[in-house]
């Protein structure tokens, strides 16, 4: 039986911890507040699963590879998106405030963890096909697009499947944002700031490997 890599075990343990916290909160409070986090964690797991699958595809199945890569890019924003669920944080009378802070932080950490591991796998995939500079450029573009996807999910209420179900609505929104930057300062501001955060965190996480060498 093939041994599960340590990082995979930690991801599964961390995800289980989040689910247990959410389930315990629902049982204690008697309401479904934050239950949507379980769905968000599932969506965050999809890019991780797609990137893992991408590395397993045969080298001659180029069409399947790039189809999977595009699917990964569409679902990638769901991973860091969980950070924005902090907008739902508010002191309550039933559940301690500290508990909800830990719950949301843990879920956000899992989202970033899944997103960054998947991004690292995409970087591995591209490194066998492109130069180092082109790979770095692609990764930064993916992060920027992911940051915009987080904004679009939170404020425009786009879903990943809207790319297929509502492509014309998305193109209309994109056209308006691109042609009217002065009316969309929040869009650009959040996208750039979130992209800088994700880039810093991703590069920091990658550099941590040097500490154990």
C-alpha atoms as a PDB file:
ATOM      1  CA  UNK A   1       0.000   0.000   0.000  1.00  0.00           C
ATOM      2  CA  UNK A   2       1.378   3.407  -1.038  1.00  0.00           C
ATOM      3  CA  UNK A   3       2.342   5.639   1.868  1.00  0.00           C
ATOM      4  CA  UNK A   4       0.455   8.932   2.142  1.00  0.00           C
ATOM      5  CA  UNK A   5       2.860  11.933   2.060  1.00  0.00           C
ATOM      6  CA  UNK A   6       3.196  13.798   5.361  1.00  0.00           C
ATOM      7  CA  UNK A   7       1.771  17.023   3.925  1.00  0.00           C
ATOM      8  CA  UNK A   8      -1.342  15.162   2.768  1.00  0.00           C
ATOM      9  CA  UNK A   9      -1.834  13.668   6.216  1.00  0.00           C
ATOM     10  CA  UNK A  10      -1.546  17.099   7.818  1.00  0.00           C
ATOM     11  CA  UNK A  11      -4.034  18.562   5.334  1.00  0.00           C
ATOM     12  CA  UNK A  12      -6.576  15.838   6.095  1.00  0.00           C
ATOM     13  CA  UNK A  13      -6.034  16.207   9.851  1.00  0.00           C
ATOM     14  CA  UNK A  14      -6.386  19.989   9.644  1.00  0.00           C
ATOM     15  CA  UNK A  15      -9.541  19.738   7.530  1.00  0.00           C
ATOM     16  CA  UNK A  16     -10.998  17.250  10.012  1.00  0.00           C
ATOM     17  CA  UNK A  17     -10.246  19.687  12.816  1.00  0.00           C
ATOM     18  CA  UNK A  18     -12.221  22.424  11.081  1.00  0.00           C
ATOM     19  CA  UNK A  19     -15.174  20.136  10.444  1.00  0.00           C
ATOM     20  CA  UNK A  20     -15.190  19.014  14.086  1.00  0.00           C
ATOM     21  CA  UNK A  21     -15.181  22.635  15.300  1.00  0.00           C
ATOM     22  CA  UNK A  22     -18.054  23.558  12.983  1.00  0.00           C
ATOM     23  CA  UNK A  23     -20.073  20.461  13.942  1.00  0.00           C
ATOM     24  CA  UNK A  24     -19.468  21.096  17.650  1.00  0.00           C
ATOM     25  CA  UNK A  25     -20.622  24.696  17.242  1.00  0.00           C
ATOM     26  CA  UNK A  26     -23.822  23.626  15.498  1.00  0.00           C
ATOM     27  CA  UNK A  27     -24.535  21.019  18.190  1.00  0.00           C
ATOM     28  CA  UNK A  28     -23.860  23.460  21.038  1.00  0.00           C
ATOM     29  CA  UNK A  29     -25.710  26.466  19.587  1.00  0.00           C
ATOM     30  CA  UNK A  30     -28.574  24.614  17.925  1.00  0.00           C
ATOM     31  CA  UNK A  31     -28.223  26.691  14.737  1.00  0.00           C
ATOM     32  CA  UNK A  32     -26.480  26.325  11.390  1.00  0.00           C
ATOM     33  CA  UNK A  33     -24.402  29.507  11.560  1.00  0.00           C
ATOM     34  CA  UNK A  34     -21.029  28.861   9.842  1.00  0.00           C
ATOM     35  CA  UNK A  35     -22.320  25.553   8.453  1.00  0.00           C
ATOM     36  CA  UNK A  36     -21.608  26.996   4.997  1.00  0.00           C
ATOM     37  CA  UNK A  37     -17.914  26.784   5.850  1.00  0.00           C
ATOM     38  CA  UNK A  38     -18.081  23.033   5.292  1.00  0.00           C
ATOM     39  CA  UNK A  39     -19.222  23.665   1.718  1.00  0.00           C
ATOM     40  CA  UNK A  40     -16.529  26.327   1.288  1.00  0.00           C
ATOM     41  CA  UNK A  41     -13.884  23.882   2.510  1.00  0.00           C
ATOM     42  CA  UNK A  42     -15.128  21.343  -0.014  1.00  0.00           C
ATOM     43  CA  UNK A  43     -14.826  23.929  -2.799  1.00  0.00           C
ATOM     44  CA  UNK A  44     -11.325  24.794  -1.550  1.00  0.00           C
ATOM     45  CA  UNK A  45     -10.395  21.117  -1.776  1.00  0.00           C
ATOM     46  CA  UNK A  46     -11.293  20.941  -5.479  1.00  0.00           C
ATOM     47  CA  UNK A  47      -8.224  22.863  -6.788  1.00  0.00           C
ATOM     48  CA  UNK A  48      -6.030  20.704  -4.558  1.00  0.00           C
ATOM     49  CA  UNK A  49      -7.597  17.563  -6.030  1.00  0.00           C
ATOM     50  CA  UNK A  50      -7.356  18.882  -9.609  1.00  0.00           C
ATOM     51  CA  UNK A  51      -3.686  19.822  -9.252  1.00  0.00           C
ATOM     52  CA  UNK A  52      -2.916  16.385  -7.807  1.00  0.00           C
ATOM     53  CA  UNK A  53      -4.751  14.747 -10.687  1.00  0.00           C
ATOM     54  CA  UNK A  54      -2.910  16.945 -13.203  1.00  0.00           C
ATOM     55  CA  UNK A  55       0.477  15.601 -12.113  1.00  0.00           C
ATOM     56  CA  UNK A  56      -0.780  12.042 -12.566  1.00  0.00           C
ATOM     57  CA  UNK A  57      -1.957  12.499 -16.148  1.00  0.00           C
ATOM     58  CA  UNK A  58       0.184  10.929 -18.829  1.00  0.00           C
ATOM     59  CA  UNK A  59       2.464  13.251 -20.746  1.00  0.00           C
ATOM     60  CA  UNK A  60       0.799  12.358 -24.063  1.00  0.00           C
ATOM     61  CA  UNK A  61      -2.676  13.445 -22.888  1.00  0.00           C
ATOM     62  CA  UNK A  62      -1.967  17.127 -23.486  1.00  0.00           C
ATOM     63  CA  UNK A  63      -5.599  18.020 -24.094  1.00  0.00           C
ATOM     64  CA  UNK A  64      -6.631  16.473 -20.784  1.00  0.00           C
ATOM     65  CA  UNK A  65      -3.768  18.226 -19.012  1.00  0.00           C
ATOM     66  CA  UNK A  66      -4.663  21.714 -20.166  1.00  0.00           C
ATOM     67  CA  UNK A  67      -8.372  21.121 -19.651  1.00  0.00           C
ATOM     68  CA  UNK A  68      -7.581  20.150 -16.078  1.00  0.00           C
ATOM     69  CA  UNK A  69      -5.317  23.186 -15.724  1.00  0.00           C
ATOM     70  CA  UNK A  70      -8.135  25.504 -16.830  1.00  0.00           C
ATOM     71  CA  UNK A  71     -10.556  23.797 -14.450  1.00  0.00           C
ATOM     72  CA  UNK A  72      -8.021  24.286 -11.656  1.00  0.00           C
ATOM     73  CA  UNK A  73      -7.751  27.999 -12.441  1.00  0.00           C
ATOM     74  CA  UNK A  74     -11.535  28.385 -12.324  1.00  0.00           C
ATOM     75  CA  UNK A  75     -11.770  26.729  -8.900  1.00  0.00           C
ATOM     76  CA  UNK A  76      -8.524  28.111  -7.435  1.00  0.00           C
ATOM     77  CA  UNK A  77     -10.114  31.296  -5.954  1.00  0.00           C
ATOM     78  CA  UNK A  78     -12.329  29.126  -3.740  1.00  0.00           C
ATOM     79  CA  UNK A  79      -9.294  28.274  -1.584  1.00  0.00           C
ATOM     80  CA  UNK A  80      -8.245  31.779  -0.429  1.00  0.00           C
ATOM     81  CA  UNK A  81     -11.879  32.953  -0.571  1.00  0.00           C
ATOM     82  CA  UNK A  82     -12.499  31.510   2.909  1.00  0.00           C
ATOM     83  CA  UNK A  83     -10.485  34.393   4.386  1.00  0.00           C
ATOM     84  CA  UNK A  84     -13.335  36.729   3.430  1.00  0.00           C
ATOM     85  CA  UNK A  85     -15.740  34.738   5.606  1.00  0.00           C
ATOM     86  CA  UNK A  86     -14.422  36.831   8.489  1.00  0.00           C
ATOM     87  CA  UNK A  87     -17.083  39.349   7.421  1.00  0.00           C
ATOM     88  CA  UNK A  88     -19.561  37.078   9.211  1.00  0.00           C
ATOM     89  CA  UNK A  89     -17.681  37.298  12.513  1.00  0.00           C
ATOM     90  CA  UNK A  90     -19.658  38.999  15.261  1.00  0.00           C
ATOM     91  CA  UNK A  91     -19.945  38.538  19.025  1.00  0.00           C
ATOM     92  CA  UNK A  92     -22.767  36.197  20.009  1.00  0.00           C
ATOM     93  CA  UNK A  93     -24.579  35.360  23.212  1.00  0.00           C
ATOM     94  CA  UNK A  94     -24.504  31.580  22.813  1.00  0.00           C
ATOM     95  CA  UNK A  95     -21.058  30.673  21.454  1.00  0.00           C
ATOM     96  CA  UNK A  96     -17.933  32.388  22.894  1.00  0.00           C
ATOM     97  CA  UNK A  97     -16.426  34.984  20.592  1.00  0.00           C
ATOM     98  CA  UNK A  98     -12.964  33.421  20.899  1.00  0.00           C
ATOM     99  CA  UNK A  99     -14.337  30.115  19.614  1.00  0.00           C
ATOM    100  CA  UNK A 100     -15.664  31.703  16.432  1.00  0.00           C
ATOM    101  CA  UNK A 101     -12.359  33.506  15.884  1.00  0.00           C
ATOM    102  CA  UNK A 102     -10.443  30.223  16.115  1.00  0.00           C
ATOM    103  CA  UNK A 103     -13.025  28.456  13.932  1.00  0.00           C
ATOM    104  CA  UNK A 104     -12.766  31.052  11.159  1.00  0.00           C
ATOM    105  CA  UNK A 105      -8.993  31.285  11.393  1.00  0.00           C
ATOM    106  CA  UNK A 106      -8.640  27.506  11.171  1.00  0.00           C
ATOM    107  CA  UNK A 107     -10.943  27.342   8.150  1.00  0.00           C
ATOM    108  CA  UNK A 108      -9.035  30.212   6.498  1.00  0.00           C
ATOM    109  CA  UNK A 109      -5.733  28.471   7.182  1.00  0.00           C
ATOM    110  CA  UNK A 110      -7.059  25.324   5.534  1.00  0.00           C
ATOM    111  CA  UNK A 111      -8.137  27.322   2.509  1.00  0.00           C
ATOM    112  CA  UNK A 112      -4.702  28.896   2.148  1.00  0.00           C
ATOM    113  CA  UNK A 113      -2.991  25.556   2.742  1.00  0.00           C
ATOM    114  CA  UNK A 114      -5.046  23.833   0.046  1.00  0.00           C
ATOM    115  CA  UNK A 115      -4.571  26.738  -2.321  1.00  0.00           C
ATOM    116  CA  UNK A 116      -0.816  27.021  -1.866  1.00  0.00           C
ATOM    117  CA  UNK A 117      -0.175  23.279  -2.137  1.00  0.00           C
ATOM    118  CA  UNK A 118      -2.230  23.199  -5.335  1.00  0.00           C
ATOM    119  CA  UNK A 119      -0.338  26.236  -6.654  1.00  0.00           C
ATOM    120  CA  UNK A 120       2.962  24.522  -5.899  1.00  0.00           C
ATOM    121  CA  UNK A 121       1.785  21.456  -7.844  1.00  0.00           C
ATOM    122  CA  UNK A 122       0.823  23.671 -10.788  1.00  0.00           C
ATOM    123  CA  UNK A 123       4.289  25.191 -10.615  1.00  0.00           C
ATOM    124  CA  UNK A 124       5.753  21.674 -10.778  1.00  0.00           C
ATOM    125  CA  UNK A 125       3.621  20.888 -13.816  1.00  0.00           C
ATOM    126  CA  UNK A 126       4.616  24.055 -15.659  1.00  0.00           C
ATOM    127  CA  UNK A 127       8.319  23.692 -14.814  1.00  0.00           C
ATOM    128  CA  UNK A 128       8.576  20.690 -17.144  1.00  0.00           C
ATOM    129  CA  UNK A 129       7.223  22.714 -20.050  1.00  0.00           C
ATOM    130  CA  UNK A 130       8.304  26.331 -19.601  1.00  0.00           C
ATOM    131  CA  UNK A 131      11.384  28.293 -18.596  1.00  0.00           C
ATOM    132  CA  UNK A 132      11.814  29.336 -14.969  1.00  0.00           C
ATOM    133  CA  UNK A 133      10.940  32.958 -15.769  1.00  0.00           C
ATOM    134  CA  UNK A 134       7.785  31.962 -17.631  1.00  0.00           C
ATOM    135  CA  UNK A 135       6.738  29.662 -14.798  1.00  0.00           C
ATOM    136  CA  UNK A 136       7.160  32.498 -12.275  1.00  0.00           C
ATOM    137  CA  UNK A 137       5.187  34.843 -14.527  1.00  0.00           C
ATOM    138  CA  UNK A 138       2.363  32.301 -14.846  1.00  0.00           C
ATOM    139  CA  UNK A 139       2.232  31.800 -11.085  1.00  0.00           C
ATOM    140  CA  UNK A 140       1.985  35.552 -10.437  1.00  0.00           C
ATOM    141  CA  UNK A 141      -0.742  35.856 -13.074  1.00  0.00           C
ATOM    142  CA  UNK A 142      -2.637  32.937 -11.502  1.00  0.00           C
ATOM    143  CA  UNK A 143      -2.385  34.586  -8.083  1.00  0.00           C
ATOM    144  CA  UNK A 144      -3.662  37.894  -9.497  1.00  0.00           C
ATOM    145  CA  UNK A 145      -6.561  36.140 -11.237  1.00  0.00           C
ATOM    146  CA  UNK A 146      -7.259  34.199  -8.045  1.00  0.00           C
ATOM    147  CA  UNK A 147      -7.367  37.441  -6.066  1.00  0.00           C
ATOM    148  CA  UNK A 148      -9.839  38.903  -8.544  1.00  0.00           C
ATOM    149  CA  UNK A 149     -11.859  35.704  -8.283  1.00  0.00           C
ATOM    150  CA  UNK A 150     -12.046  36.183  -4.508  1.00  0.00           C
ATOM    151  CA  UNK A 151     -13.381  39.707  -5.037  1.00  0.00           C
ATOM    152  CA  UNK A 152     -15.858  38.496  -7.660  1.00  0.00           C
ATOM    153  CA  UNK A 153     -17.090  35.738  -5.377  1.00  0.00           C
ATOM    154  CA  UNK A 154     -17.554  38.007  -2.379  1.00  0.00           C
ATOM    155  CA  UNK A 155     -18.977  41.134  -4.019  1.00  0.00           C
ATOM    156  CA  UNK A 156     -20.232  40.128  -7.470  1.00  0.00           C
ATOM    157  CA  UNK A 157     -21.480  36.775  -6.144  1.00  0.00           C
ATOM    158  CA  UNK A 158     -19.940  34.781  -8.962  1.00  0.00           C
ATOM    159  CA  UNK A 159     -19.575  31.027  -8.558  1.00  0.00           C
ATOM    160  CA  UNK A 160     -16.962  28.860 -10.280  1.00  0.00           C
ATOM    161  CA  UNK A 161     -19.601  27.149 -12.403  1.00  0.00           C
ATOM    162  CA  UNK A 162     -20.848  30.521 -13.670  1.00  0.00           C
ATOM    163  CA  UNK A 163     -17.954  30.366 -16.147  1.00  0.00           C
ATOM    164  CA  UNK A 164     -19.990  27.686 -17.931  1.00  0.00           C
ATOM    165  CA  UNK A 165     -23.524  28.585 -16.856  1.00  0.00           C
ATOM    166  CA  UNK A 166     -23.364  32.395 -17.227  1.00  0.00           C
ATOM    167  CA  UNK A 167     -20.367  33.273 -19.427  1.00  0.00           C
ATOM    168  CA  UNK A 168     -22.035  36.285 -21.047  1.00  0.00           C
ATOM    169  CA  UNK A 169     -22.909  37.828 -17.684  1.00  0.00           C
ATOM    170  CA  UNK A 170     -19.302  37.428 -16.606  1.00  0.00           C
ATOM    171  CA  UNK A 171     -17.995  38.988 -19.824  1.00  0.00           C
ATOM    172  CA  UNK A 172     -20.386  41.919 -19.351  1.00  0.00           C
ATOM    173  CA  UNK A 173     -19.125  42.504 -15.802  1.00  0.00           C
ATOM    174  CA  UNK A 174     -15.495  42.208 -16.904  1.00  0.00           C
ATOM    175  CA  UNK A 175     -16.037  44.677 -19.720  1.00  0.00           C
ATOM    176  CA  UNK A 176     -17.554  47.222 -17.337  1.00  0.00           C
ATOM    177  CA  UNK A 177     -14.729  46.830 -14.806  1.00  0.00           C
ATOM    178  CA  UNK A 178     -12.031  47.126 -17.489  1.00  0.00           C
ATOM    179  CA  UNK A 179     -13.559  50.161 -19.229  1.00  0.00           C
ATOM    180  CA  UNK A 180     -14.551  52.027 -16.052  1.00  0.00           C
ATOM    181  CA  UNK A 181     -11.608  51.727 -13.631  1.00  0.00           C
ATOM    182  CA  UNK A 182     -12.517  54.980 -11.865  1.00  0.00           C
ATOM    183  CA  UNK A 183     -15.884  53.489 -10.874  1.00  0.00           C
ATOM    184  CA  UNK A 184     -14.330  50.254  -9.651  1.00  0.00           C
ATOM    185  CA  UNK A 185     -11.614  51.369  -7.255  1.00  0.00           C
ATOM    186  CA  UNK A 186     -12.721  48.777  -4.691  1.00  0.00           C
ATOM    187  CA  UNK A 187     -12.328  46.066  -7.322  1.00  0.00           C
ATOM    188  CA  UNK A 188      -8.770  47.039  -8.210  1.00  0.00           C
ATOM    189  CA  UNK A 189      -7.841  47.887  -4.629  1.00  0.00           C
ATOM    190  CA  UNK A 190      -8.958  44.572  -3.174  1.00  0.00           C
ATOM    191  CA  UNK A 191      -7.592  42.545  -6.096  1.00  0.00           C
ATOM    192  CA  UNK A 192      -4.104  44.070  -5.928  1.00  0.00           C
ATOM    193  CA  UNK A 193      -3.933  44.039  -2.119  1.00  0.00           C
ATOM    194  CA  UNK A 194      -5.162  40.463  -1.867  1.00  0.00           C
ATOM    195  CA  UNK A 195      -2.753  39.405  -4.608  1.00  0.00           C
ATOM    196  CA  UNK A 196       0.144  40.962  -2.690  1.00  0.00           C
ATOM    197  CA  UNK A 197      -0.938  39.109   0.454  1.00  0.00           C
ATOM    198  CA  UNK A 198      -1.194  35.777  -1.367  1.00  0.00           C
ATOM    199  CA  UNK A 199       2.131  36.285  -3.146  1.00  0.00           C
ATOM    200  CA  UNK A 200       3.918  37.127   0.109  1.00  0.00           C
ATOM    201  CA  UNK A 201       2.398  34.151   1.919  1.00  0.00           C
ATOM    202  CA  UNK A 202       3.135  31.769  -0.944  1.00  0.00           C
ATOM    203  CA  UNK A 203       6.765  32.808  -1.330  1.00  0.00           C
ATOM    204  CA  UNK A 204       7.231  32.702   2.439  1.00  0.00           C
ATOM    205  CA  UNK A 205       5.755  29.195   2.625  1.00  0.00           C
ATOM    206  CA  UNK A 206       8.072  28.024  -0.161  1.00  0.00           C
ATOM    207  CA  UNK A 207      11.135  29.544   1.529  1.00  0.00           C
ATOM    208  CA  UNK A 208      10.364  27.665   4.768  1.00  0.00           C
ATOM    209  CA  UNK A 209      11.643  24.501   3.095  1.00  0.00           C
ATOM    210  CA  UNK A 210      15.156  25.906   3.332  1.00  0.00           C
ATOM    211  CA  UNK A 211      15.014  25.806   7.133  1.00  0.00           C
ATOM    212  CA  UNK A 212      14.890  22.015   7.213  1.00  0.00           C
ATOM    213  CA  UNK A 213      17.691  21.395   4.738  1.00  0.00           C
END
